[in-house]
Amino acid sequence: MQVSNPVPRLLRLDEVMARVPLKKPSIYRAIRAGKFPAPCKLLGGRASAWDEGEIGAWIASRLAERTGK
């Protein structure tokens, strides 16, 4: 039996904002500062999306900082 790698789920900005306590300007400010995962460009170059795993890891790291772990 062959195990395939799952395809990462991509989140659009509204989905990202629903998961993190930040609005659009704060998200892009944090990206520029290197403190938030950068999006990838989708076809055409105008649309962007974030890797769901990277957003989950960012959230987990914030919680770890809060608890000191």
N, C-alpha and C. Protein backbone atom coordinates (compact mmCIF):
# COMPACT_ATOMS: atom_id res chain seq x y z
N MET A 1 0.84 -1.18 0.00
CA MET A 1 0.00 0.00 0.00
C MET A 1 0.88 1.24 0.00
N GLN A 2 0.62 2.13 -0.93
CA GLN A 2 1.41 3.35 -1.06
C GLN A 2 0.72 4.48 -0.31
N VAL A 3 1.50 5.20 0.49
CA VAL A 3 0.97 6.34 1.23
C VAL A 3 1.36 7.60 0.47
N SER A 4 0.39 8.40 0.13
CA SER A 4 0.68 9.64 -0.59
C SER A 4 0.68 10.81 0.39
N ASN A 5 1.40 11.84 0.04
CA ASN A 5 1.42 13.04 0.85
C ASN A 5 0.11 13.79 0.65
N PRO A 6 -0.52 14.21 1.74
CA PRO A 6 -1.76 14.96 1.58
C PRO A 6 -1.47 16.34 0.98
N VAL A 7 -2.38 16.82 0.18
CA VAL A 7 -2.24 18.14 -0.42
C VAL A 7 -2.56 19.17 0.65
N PRO A 8 -1.68 20.15 0.86
CA PRO A 8 -1.95 21.17 1.87
C PRO A 8 -3.22 21.96 1.52
N ARG A 9 -3.98 22.31 2.52
CA ARG A 9 -5.17 23.14 2.31
C ARG A 9 -4.73 24.59 2.35
N LEU A 10 -5.22 25.36 1.40
CA LEU A 10 -4.91 26.78 1.34
C LEU A 10 -6.08 27.59 1.87
N LEU A 11 -5.76 28.60 2.66
CA LEU A 11 -6.77 29.46 3.26
C LEU A 11 -6.71 30.84 2.62
N ARG A 12 -7.85 31.38 2.28
CA ARG A 12 -7.92 32.75 1.80
C ARG A 12 -7.91 33.69 3.00
N LEU A 13 -7.73 34.98 2.76
CA LEU A 13 -7.57 35.95 3.83
C LEU A 13 -8.74 35.94 4.82
N ASP A 14 -9.96 35.83 4.35
CA ASP A 14 -11.09 35.83 5.27
C ASP A 14 -11.06 34.63 6.20
N GLU A 15 -10.58 33.49 5.71
CA GLU A 15 -10.46 32.30 6.56
C GLU A 15 -9.33 32.47 7.58
N VAL A 16 -8.24 33.11 7.16
CA VAL A 16 -7.13 33.38 8.09
C VAL A 16 -7.61 34.30 9.20
N MET A 17 -8.31 35.38 8.83
CA MET A 17 -8.80 36.34 9.83
C MET A 17 -9.81 35.70 10.78
N ALA A 18 -10.52 34.67 10.32
CA ALA A 18 -11.46 33.97 11.20
C ALA A 18 -10.73 33.11 12.22
N ARG A 19 -9.47 32.74 11.94
CA ARG A 19 -8.71 31.86 12.84
C ARG A 19 -7.76 32.62 13.76
N VAL A 20 -7.32 33.80 13.36
CA VAL A 20 -6.38 34.55 14.18
C VAL A 20 -7.00 35.89 14.59
N PRO A 21 -6.59 36.44 15.70
CA PRO A 21 -7.20 37.68 16.19
C PRO A 21 -6.59 38.93 15.54
N LEU A 22 -6.43 38.91 14.24
CA LEU A 22 -5.82 40.03 13.53
C LEU A 22 -6.68 40.42 12.33
N LYS A 23 -6.65 41.69 12.00
CA LYS A 23 -7.32 42.19 10.81
C LYS A 23 -6.29 42.30 9.68
N LYS A 24 -6.76 42.57 8.48
CA LYS A 24 -5.91 42.59 7.29
C LYS A 24 -4.66 43.47 7.44
N PRO A 25 -4.77 44.73 7.88
CA PRO A 25 -3.55 45.54 7.98
C PRO A 25 -2.52 44.96 8.95
N SER A 26 -3.01 44.41 10.06
CA SER A 26 -2.10 43.83 11.05
C SER A 26 -1.42 42.58 10.52
N ILE A 27 -2.15 41.79 9.76
CA ILE A 27 -1.57 40.58 9.17
C ILE A 27 -0.44 40.96 8.22
N TYR A 28 -0.69 41.90 7.31
CA TYR A 28 0.34 42.27 6.35
C TYR A 28 1.52 43.00 7.01
N ARG A 29 1.25 43.73 8.09
CA ARG A 29 2.34 44.37 8.85
C ARG A 29 3.22 43.29 9.49
N ALA A 30 2.59 42.26 10.06
CA ALA A 30 3.34 41.17 10.68
C ALA A 30 4.12 40.36 9.65
N ILE A 31 3.58 40.21 8.45
CA ILE A 31 4.31 39.52 7.38
C ILE A 31 5.57 40.30 7.03
N ARG A 32 5.43 41.61 6.86
CA ARG A 32 6.60 42.44 6.53
C ARG A 32 7.66 42.39 7.62
N ALA A 33 7.21 42.25 8.88
CA ALA A 33 8.14 42.17 10.01
C ALA A 33 8.70 40.77 10.20
N GLY A 34 8.25 39.81 9.40
CA GLY A 34 8.73 38.43 9.53
C GLY A 34 8.13 37.69 10.71
N LYS A 35 6.97 38.14 11.20
CA LYS A 35 6.36 37.54 12.38
C LYS A 35 5.09 36.76 12.08
N PHE A 36 4.75 36.63 10.81
CA PHE A 36 3.54 35.91 10.40
C PHE A 36 3.84 35.22 9.08
N PRO A 37 3.29 34.04 8.86
CA PRO A 37 3.57 33.32 7.60
C PRO A 37 3.15 34.14 6.38
N ALA A 38 3.98 34.13 5.37
CA ALA A 38 3.67 34.83 4.13
C ALA A 38 2.74 33.98 3.27
N PRO A 39 1.87 34.63 2.52
CA PRO A 39 0.98 33.88 1.64
C PRO A 39 1.73 33.45 0.38
N CYS A 40 1.13 32.53 -0.35
CA CYS A 40 1.65 32.18 -1.67
C CYS A 40 0.69 32.79 -2.70
N LYS A 41 1.24 33.18 -3.81
CA LYS A 41 0.43 33.75 -4.88
C LYS A 41 -0.24 32.63 -5.66
N LEU A 42 -1.48 32.83 -6.00
CA LEU A 42 -2.22 31.87 -6.79
C LEU A 42 -2.15 32.28 -8.26
N LEU A 43 -2.75 31.52 -9.11
CA LEU A 43 -2.72 31.81 -10.54
C LEU A 43 -3.12 33.25 -10.82
N GLY A 44 -2.39 33.88 -11.71
CA GLY A 44 -2.69 35.25 -12.06
C GLY A 44 -1.93 36.25 -11.23
N GLY A 45 -1.44 35.85 -10.06
CA GLY A 45 -0.61 36.72 -9.23
C GLY A 45 -1.36 37.70 -8.36
N ARG A 46 -2.66 37.85 -8.53
CA ARG A 46 -3.40 38.82 -7.71
C ARG A 46 -3.98 38.18 -6.45
N ALA A 47 -4.35 36.93 -6.54
CA ALA A 47 -4.94 36.24 -5.39
C ALA A 47 -3.84 35.58 -4.56
N SER A 48 -4.03 35.58 -3.25
CA SER A 48 -3.08 34.96 -2.33
C SER A 48 -3.81 33.99 -1.41
N ALA A 49 -3.05 33.04 -0.88
CA ALA A 49 -3.60 32.09 0.08
C ALA A 49 -2.48 31.64 1.02
N TRP A 50 -2.88 31.21 2.20
CA TRP A 50 -1.93 30.76 3.21
C TRP A 50 -2.06 29.27 3.41
N ASP A 51 -0.95 28.62 3.70
CA ASP A 51 -0.94 27.20 4.01
C ASP A 51 -1.57 27.01 5.39
N GLU A 52 -2.58 26.17 5.46
CA GLU A 52 -3.30 25.94 6.70
C GLU A 52 -2.35 25.44 7.81
N GLY A 53 -1.39 24.60 7.45
CA GLY A 53 -0.44 24.09 8.43
C GLY A 53 0.44 25.18 9.02
N GLU A 54 0.85 26.13 8.18
CA GLU A 54 1.68 27.24 8.67
C GLU A 54 0.89 28.13 9.62
N ILE A 55 -0.38 28.35 9.30
CA ILE A 55 -1.22 29.17 10.19
C ILE A 55 -1.42 28.43 11.52
N GLY A 56 -1.67 27.13 11.45
CA GLY A 56 -1.81 26.33 12.67
C GLY A 56 -0.55 26.35 13.52
N ALA A 57 0.61 26.28 12.86
CA ALA A 57 1.88 26.32 13.58
C ALA A 57 2.10 27.68 14.23
N TRP A 58 1.70 28.75 13.54
CA TRP A 58 1.83 30.11 14.08
C TRP A 58 0.97 30.23 15.34
N ILE A 59 -0.27 29.75 15.27
CA ILE A 59 -1.16 29.79 16.43
C ILE A 59 -0.57 28.99 17.59
N ALA A 60 -0.06 27.79 17.29
CA ALA A 60 0.54 26.95 18.34
C ALA A 60 1.75 27.64 18.98
N SER A 61 2.54 28.34 18.18
CA SER A 61 3.72 29.02 18.74
C SER A 61 3.30 30.18 19.65
N ARG A 62 2.20 30.88 19.30
CA ARG A 62 1.71 31.95 20.17
C ARG A 62 1.24 31.37 21.50
N LEU A 63 0.54 30.23 21.43
CA LEU A 63 0.07 29.60 22.67
C LEU A 63 1.24 29.11 23.50
N ALA A 64 2.27 28.57 22.86
CA ALA A 64 3.46 28.10 23.58
C ALA A 64 4.17 29.26 24.27
N GLU A 65 4.24 30.41 23.61
CA GLU A 65 4.86 31.60 24.24
C GLU A 65 4.07 32.02 25.47
N ARG A 66 2.76 31.94 25.37
CA ARG A 66 1.90 32.35 26.49
C ARG A 66 2.10 31.45 27.70
N THR A 67 2.23 30.17 27.45
CA THR A 67 2.39 29.22 28.55
C THR A 67 3.84 28.99 28.94
N GLY A 68 4.75 29.58 28.18
CA GLY A 68 6.17 29.45 28.49
C GLY A 68 6.77 28.13 28.10
N LYS A 69 6.16 27.41 27.16
CA LYS A 69 6.67 26.10 26.74
C LYS A 69 7.40 26.21 25.44
